[in-house]
Protein backbone atom coordinates (compact mmCIF):
# COMPACT_ATOMS: atom_id res chain seq x y z
CA MET A 1 -15.20 -94.40 -134.30
CA GLY A 2 -16.54 -93.19 -130.78
CA SER A 3 -17.81 -96.78 -130.14
CA ARG A 4 -14.30 -98.06 -130.87
CA ILE A 5 -12.60 -95.54 -128.50
CA SER A 6 -15.13 -96.47 -125.80
CA LEU A 7 -14.32 -100.14 -126.19
CA VAL A 8 -10.61 -99.45 -125.78
CA ASP A 9 -11.18 -97.32 -122.76
CA ASP A 10 -13.35 -100.21 -121.22
CA VAL A 11 -10.47 -102.74 -121.90
CA GLU A 12 -7.86 -100.46 -120.20
CA GLU A 13 -10.20 -99.88 -117.25
CA GLY A 14 -10.73 -103.58 -117.05
CA ASN A 15 -6.89 -104.25 -117.16
CA ILE A 16 -6.26 -101.68 -114.49
CA GLU A 17 -9.07 -103.04 -112.16
CA ARG A 18 -7.55 -106.54 -112.83
CA GLN A 19 -4.00 -105.43 -111.98
CA ALA A 20 -5.21 -103.70 -108.75
CA LYS A 21 -6.92 -106.83 -107.54
CA GLU A 22 -3.92 -108.94 -108.46
CA ARG A 23 -1.81 -106.55 -106.26
CA GLN A 24 -4.34 -106.61 -103.44
CA PHE A 25 -4.20 -110.45 -103.69
CA ARG A 26 -0.43 -110.58 -103.62
CA SER A 27 -0.35 -108.15 -100.66
CA ARG A 28 -2.86 -110.28 -98.74
CA ASN A 29 -0.87 -113.33 -99.34
CA GLN A 30 2.30 -111.62 -98.20
CA SER A 31 0.59 -110.51 -95.00
CA VAL A 32 -0.58 -114.09 -94.27
CA MET A 33 2.75 -115.68 -95.18
CA SER A 34 4.78 -113.20 -93.14
CA GLY A 35 2.37 -113.63 -90.18
CA LEU A 36 2.56 -117.37 -90.23
CA ALA A 37 6.38 -117.33 -90.44
CA TYR A 38 6.58 -115.01 -87.47
CA CYS A 39 4.05 -117.14 -85.48
CA ILE A 40 5.86 -120.47 -86.41
CA SER A 41 9.37 -119.19 -85.74
CA SER A 42 8.53 -117.49 -82.48
CA SER A 43 6.69 -120.44 -81.05
CA SER A 44 9.20 -122.93 -82.30
CA MET A 45 11.93 -120.95 -80.65
CA ILE A 46 10.26 -121.14 -77.12
CA LEU A 47 9.34 -124.96 -77.57
CA LEU A 48 12.94 -125.65 -78.64
CA ASN A 49 14.32 -123.79 -75.73
CA LYS A 50 12.11 -125.69 -73.45
CA LEU A 51 13.34 -129.07 -75.04
CA LEU A 52 16.91 -128.11 -74.54
CA LEU A 53 16.53 -126.95 -70.92
CA SER A 54 14.41 -130.02 -69.88
CA GLY A 55 14.78 -132.86 -72.45
CA TYR A 56 18.62 -132.50 -72.65
CA GLY A 57 19.23 -131.38 -69.21
CA LEU A 58 21.01 -128.14 -70.21
CA THR A 59 21.34 -126.08 -67.08
CA GLY A 60 23.43 -123.05 -68.45
CA GLY A 61 21.09 -120.43 -69.64
CA ILE A 62 23.95 -118.16 -70.35
CA SER A 63 25.67 -120.65 -72.42
CA LEU A 64 22.50 -121.32 -74.42
CA MET A 65 22.11 -117.53 -75.11
CA PHE A 66 25.88 -117.24 -76.10
CA TYR A 67 25.70 -120.15 -78.66
CA GLN A 68 22.48 -118.89 -80.16
CA ASN A 69 23.63 -115.34 -80.45
CA LEU A 70 26.95 -116.62 -82.17
CA ILE A 71 24.95 -118.37 -84.58
CA SER A 72 23.03 -115.31 -85.33
CA VAL A 73 26.08 -113.14 -85.80
CA ILE A 74 27.69 -115.76 -88.27
CA VAL A 75 24.44 -115.76 -90.34
CA VAL A 76 24.17 -112.09 -90.44
CA TYR A 77 27.75 -111.66 -91.75
CA ILE A 78 27.15 -114.35 -94.30
CA LEU A 79 24.01 -112.53 -95.52
CA LYS A 80 25.90 -109.21 -95.62
CA ALA A 81 28.83 -110.82 -97.57
CA VAL A 82 26.54 -112.09 -100.25
CA GLY A 83 24.74 -108.60 -100.44
CA ALA A 84 21.46 -109.88 -99.10
CA ILE A 85 21.28 -107.28 -96.37
CA THR A 86 23.13 -104.03 -95.34
CA THR A 87 24.27 -103.08 -91.88
CA GLU A 88 26.00 -100.01 -90.43
CA PRO A 89 29.72 -100.22 -89.46
CA VAL A 90 30.04 -101.28 -85.77
CA THR A 91 32.24 -98.25 -84.43
CA TRP A 92 33.29 -97.48 -80.89
CA ARG A 93 31.04 -94.29 -80.89
CA LEU A 94 28.00 -96.53 -81.75
CA VAL A 95 29.09 -99.17 -79.06
CA GLU A 96 29.36 -96.63 -76.42
CA VAL A 97 25.78 -95.64 -76.88
CA TRP A 98 24.43 -99.16 -77.41
CA PHE A 99 26.26 -101.03 -74.78
CA PRO A 100 23.74 -100.21 -71.92
CA VAL A 101 20.98 -101.39 -74.23
CA ASN A 102 22.95 -104.63 -74.75
CA ILE A 103 23.42 -105.19 -71.23
CA LEU A 104 19.57 -105.23 -70.77
CA PHE A 105 19.22 -107.38 -73.85
CA VAL A 106 21.51 -110.00 -72.33
CA SER A 107 19.77 -109.81 -69.06
CA MET A 108 16.35 -110.28 -70.82
CA LEU A 109 17.70 -113.34 -72.70
CA VAL A 110 19.38 -114.94 -69.70
CA THR A 111 16.54 -114.47 -67.30
CA SER A 112 14.06 -115.89 -69.88
CA THR A 113 16.05 -119.12 -70.22
CA TYR A 114 16.29 -119.62 -66.59
CA SER A 115 12.67 -119.11 -66.03
CA LEU A 116 11.75 -121.49 -68.77
CA ARG A 117 14.04 -124.06 -67.13
CA PHE A 118 11.87 -124.05 -63.98
CA LEU A 119 8.30 -123.21 -65.43
CA ASN A 120 6.19 -124.70 -68.06
CA VAL A 121 5.58 -122.92 -71.32
CA ALA A 122 1.96 -121.95 -70.58
CA MET A 123 2.87 -120.24 -67.15
CA VAL A 124 5.82 -118.48 -68.79
CA THR A 125 3.48 -117.10 -71.57
CA ILE A 126 0.95 -115.49 -69.19
CA LEU A 127 3.41 -114.50 -66.68
CA LYS A 128 5.11 -112.37 -69.46
CA ASN A 129 1.94 -110.32 -69.66
CA VAL A 130 3.20 -108.70 -66.40
CA THR A 131 5.76 -106.91 -68.76
CA ASN A 132 3.08 -104.88 -70.47
CA LEU A 133 1.97 -103.48 -66.95
CA ILE A 134 5.65 -102.49 -66.18
CA THR A 135 6.07 -100.89 -69.67
CA ALA A 136 2.85 -98.86 -69.41
CA VAL A 137 3.90 -97.47 -66.03
CA GLY A 138 7.36 -96.76 -67.55
CA GLU A 139 5.89 -94.91 -70.48
CA MET A 140 4.06 -92.63 -68.24
CA TYR A 141 7.10 -91.48 -66.34
CA LEU A 142 9.63 -91.57 -69.04
CA PHE A 143 7.63 -90.54 -72.13
CA ASN A 144 4.61 -88.71 -70.50
CA LYS A 145 2.30 -91.14 -72.29
CA HIS A 146 -1.29 -91.65 -70.97
CA HIS A 147 -3.32 -94.81 -71.57
CA ASN A 148 -7.02 -95.14 -71.82
CA LYS A 149 -9.34 -97.01 -69.35
CA GLU A 150 -9.70 -100.00 -71.73
CA VAL A 151 -5.74 -100.42 -71.67
CA TRP A 152 -5.64 -100.10 -67.88
CA GLY A 153 -8.55 -102.63 -67.52
CA SER A 154 -6.83 -105.27 -69.69
CA LEU A 155 -3.60 -104.74 -67.71
CA ILE A 156 -5.52 -105.43 -64.48
CA LEU A 157 -6.95 -108.46 -66.03
CA MET A 158 -3.42 -109.71 -66.88
CA LEU A 159 -2.02 -109.15 -63.39
CA VAL A 160 -5.11 -110.95 -61.81
CA SER A 161 -4.69 -113.96 -64.20
CA ALA A 162 -0.76 -114.04 -63.31
CA ILE A 163 -1.60 -114.08 -59.61
CA SER A 164 -4.35 -116.62 -59.98
CA GLY A 165 -2.16 -118.75 -62.38
CA GLY A 166 0.43 -118.82 -59.82
CA ILE A 167 -1.79 -119.72 -56.92
CA THR A 168 -3.35 -122.66 -58.77
CA ASP A 169 -0.11 -123.81 -60.38
CA ILE A 170 0.45 -127.55 -59.33
CA SER A 171 4.18 -127.31 -60.25
CA PHE A 172 4.69 -124.01 -58.55
CA HIS A 173 8.46 -123.15 -58.43
CA SER A 174 9.64 -120.14 -56.46
CA VAL A 175 12.97 -119.93 -58.23
CA GLY A 176 11.21 -120.14 -61.67
CA TYR A 177 8.74 -117.39 -60.67
CA SER A 178 11.60 -115.13 -59.43
CA TRP A 179 13.39 -115.49 -62.62
CA GLN A 180 10.32 -114.72 -64.59
CA LEU A 181 9.43 -111.55 -62.58
CA LEU A 182 13.03 -110.43 -63.14
CA ASN A 183 12.61 -111.23 -66.77
CA CYS A 184 9.47 -108.96 -66.96
CA PHE A 185 11.61 -106.17 -65.51
CA CYS A 186 14.40 -106.75 -67.82
CA THR A 187 12.26 -106.98 -70.93
CA SER A 188 10.42 -103.79 -70.08
CA ALA A 189 13.59 -101.90 -69.27
CA TYR A 190 15.17 -103.03 -72.67
CA SER A 191 12.11 -101.75 -74.61
CA LEU A 192 11.84 -98.57 -72.77
CA TRP A 193 15.70 -97.76 -72.91
CA LEU A 194 15.81 -98.89 -76.64
CA ARG A 195 13.17 -96.10 -77.43
CA LYS A 196 15.14 -93.59 -75.41
CA VAL A 197 18.60 -94.10 -77.05
CA MET A 198 17.37 -94.73 -80.68
CA ASP A 199 17.74 -91.33 -82.11
CA LEU A 200 21.04 -90.76 -80.28
CA ALA A 201 22.43 -94.04 -81.76
CA LYS A 202 21.42 -92.96 -85.31
CA GLN A 203 23.52 -89.87 -84.77
CA LYS A 204 26.55 -92.05 -84.21
CA THR A 205 26.34 -93.80 -87.52
CA SER A 206 27.91 -92.77 -90.70
CA THR A 207 24.49 -92.44 -92.71
CA GLY A 208 22.38 -91.15 -89.82
CA ASN A 209 20.24 -94.27 -89.99
CA LEU A 210 20.17 -97.54 -88.00
CA ASN A 211 18.10 -100.28 -89.66
CA GLU A 212 16.73 -103.33 -88.15
CA PHE A 213 19.50 -105.60 -89.37
CA SER A 214 22.14 -103.29 -87.83
CA MET A 215 20.29 -103.49 -84.46
CA VAL A 216 20.17 -107.24 -84.68
CA LEU A 217 23.91 -107.34 -85.29
CA LEU A 218 24.66 -104.92 -82.64
CA ASN A 219 22.70 -106.72 -79.88
CA ASN A 220 24.14 -110.23 -80.90
CA LEU A 221 27.80 -109.13 -81.48
CA LEU A 222 28.08 -107.20 -78.45
CA SER A 223 26.45 -109.95 -76.12
CA LEU A 224 29.29 -112.35 -77.09
CA PRO A 225 32.00 -110.91 -74.87
CA LEU A 226 29.65 -110.12 -72.22
CA GLY A 227 28.11 -113.63 -72.35
CA PHE A 228 31.55 -115.15 -72.39
CA ALA A 229 32.69 -113.38 -69.21
CA LEU A 230 29.44 -114.42 -67.51
CA ILE A 231 30.02 -118.11 -68.50
CA LEU A 232 33.51 -117.98 -66.90
CA VAL A 233 32.17 -116.59 -63.71
CA PHE A 234 28.88 -118.76 -63.43
CA GLU A 235 28.86 -121.75 -65.76
CA LYS A 236 32.55 -122.78 -66.53
CA ASP A 237 32.36 -125.81 -64.29
CA ASP A 238 28.87 -127.04 -65.66
CA ILE A 239 29.12 -126.46 -69.33
CA TRP A 240 31.68 -129.30 -70.17
CA THR A 241 30.10 -131.95 -67.98
CA LEU A 242 26.79 -132.02 -69.87
CA PRO A 243 26.21 -135.43 -71.28
CA ALA A 244 24.26 -134.14 -74.23
CA LEU A 245 27.21 -132.43 -75.65
CA LYS A 246 28.24 -136.04 -77.04
CA TYR A 247 25.04 -136.35 -79.03
CA PRO A 248 24.81 -134.95 -82.52
CA MET A 249 21.18 -134.38 -82.23
CA PHE A 250 21.73 -131.99 -79.34
CA TRP A 251 23.88 -129.80 -81.60
CA ILE A 252 21.43 -129.97 -84.33
CA VAL A 253 18.71 -128.62 -82.17
CA ILE A 254 20.58 -125.91 -80.39
CA THR A 255 21.88 -124.76 -83.75
CA LEU A 256 18.38 -124.76 -85.03
CA SER A 257 17.39 -122.70 -82.06
CA GLY A 258 20.00 -120.09 -82.83
CA LEU A 259 18.62 -119.97 -86.40
CA LEU A 260 15.10 -119.50 -85.15
CA GLY A 261 16.29 -116.72 -82.91
CA LEU A 262 17.48 -114.86 -85.99
CA ALA A 263 14.41 -115.94 -87.99
CA ILE A 264 12.10 -114.25 -85.34
CA SER A 265 13.99 -110.84 -85.92
CA PHE A 266 13.55 -111.13 -89.77
CA THR A 267 10.03 -112.44 -89.80
CA SER A 268 9.02 -109.77 -87.27
CA MET A 269 10.48 -107.19 -89.55
CA TRP A 270 8.80 -108.70 -92.71
CA PHE A 271 5.41 -108.86 -90.81
CA LEU A 272 5.66 -105.34 -89.65
CA HIS A 273 6.50 -104.16 -93.23
CA GLN A 274 3.41 -105.99 -94.59
CA THR A 275 0.98 -104.89 -91.82
CA SER A 276 1.26 -102.56 -88.96
CA PRO A 277 2.39 -102.47 -85.40
CA THR A 278 -1.02 -102.99 -83.93
CA THR A 279 -1.63 -105.90 -86.21
CA HIS A 280 1.69 -107.31 -85.24
CA SER A 281 0.81 -107.00 -81.47
CA LEU A 282 -2.54 -108.49 -81.85
CA VAL A 283 -1.32 -111.46 -83.84
CA GLY A 284 1.54 -112.00 -81.21
CA SER A 285 -1.09 -112.13 -78.42
CA LEU A 286 -3.31 -114.63 -80.53
CA ASN A 287 -0.15 -116.64 -81.02
CA LYS A 288 0.15 -117.27 -77.25
CA ILE A 289 -2.91 -119.43 -77.16
CA PRO A 290 -1.74 -122.24 -79.49
CA LEU A 291 1.75 -122.00 -77.95
CA SER A 292 0.44 -122.34 -74.48
CA LEU A 293 -1.64 -125.58 -75.62
CA ALA A 294 1.33 -127.01 -77.36
CA GLY A 295 3.62 -126.49 -74.36
CA ILE A 296 1.05 -128.33 -72.20
CA LEU A 297 0.51 -131.13 -74.59
CA LEU A 298 4.16 -131.69 -75.78
CA PHE A 299 5.73 -131.73 -72.33
CA HIS A 300 3.03 -133.56 -70.49
CA VAL A 301 2.43 -130.75 -68.05
CA LYS A 302 0.39 -131.80 -64.96
CA THR A 303 -2.25 -129.13 -64.40
CA SER A 304 -5.61 -128.51 -62.89
CA GLY A 305 -8.87 -127.06 -64.18
CA SER A 306 -8.56 -123.86 -62.05
CA ASN A 307 -5.00 -123.47 -63.58
CA LEU A 308 -6.14 -123.91 -67.02
CA LEU A 309 -8.95 -121.39 -66.56
CA SER A 310 -6.40 -118.87 -65.16
CA ILE A 311 -4.04 -119.51 -68.29
CA PHE A 312 -6.92 -119.02 -70.72
CA PHE A 313 -8.12 -115.92 -68.81
CA GLY A 314 -4.60 -114.46 -69.13
CA LEU A 315 -4.40 -115.30 -72.89
CA VAL A 316 -7.76 -113.57 -73.51
CA ALA A 317 -6.62 -110.50 -71.43
CA GLY A 318 -3.60 -110.29 -73.64
CA VAL A 319 -5.76 -110.14 -76.73
CA ILE A 320 -8.11 -107.46 -75.05
CA PHE A 321 -4.87 -105.40 -74.32
CA ALA A 322 -3.68 -105.64 -78.03
CA ARG A 323 -7.25 -104.52 -79.16
CA ALA A 324 -7.25 -101.60 -76.48
CA LYS A 325 -3.91 -100.53 -77.79
CA MET A 326 -5.17 -100.53 -81.37
CA SER A 327 -8.10 -98.19 -80.44
CA SER A 328 -6.02 -95.90 -78.14
């Protein structure tokens, strides 16, 4: 009798161990799949934007942002209608709090498209590292957050790589660099201000919560009237004269870029849910390496050995920064 009970216990223990291994395997697969989805969508978005701005001669960065955000809003409302996601109601109380954040969000997107119009993908990628330095300084003054020596060391490496990359850039374009520097400030300001008003925004909702889908909808929906007003001021004469508007493939590519913009938000949230913010940051830094190489090869960028070294140096500095943040 005792041996039979022992045998049953062994079988149950074996089943429990097997189920635990299966759960661990599924979790690992989910982490890998979500990470790949995030990397592919974010890289594809940048490469498609570069194709639209250089291959199709699109000059209106505001128009590009407007169309992409319009596609995102439509898809979010479709997903909400079929019950796939839930979002908070967009009320005036919530809009009043969120609108300053949205202005920075629009500024971040517009300056990003204009810098990508004049600069190659690899240089945009390493110059974006300057955002980390601006954000770190902002965190000190706004949130009294202190960083360790490793973080500051990696930030200095990023700054050195950005400066050396600009000096050795054969296709240096002062307008492009100006837009990218402005983009760094806008991106940093958006990130910092978002943290500052997050709790206040939650208080303005009916449930006291504000999930990621609601934030995606708020940003994209509120950007439409602002983007439309900016188009009327800056791009109304250029938008209708673009020859690419006659080509169906142009509309396919620009619509796909809008879907990818939304996919970045969703895959980023999926990846964060499966792993952690630190892993998310590290993978994002590693993802810049193949993205930069793809940008150079696909768009036949003329470069030099010293410029390539600066780009590689900046990408490595980004990985060091992510690891330093993980240990701090």
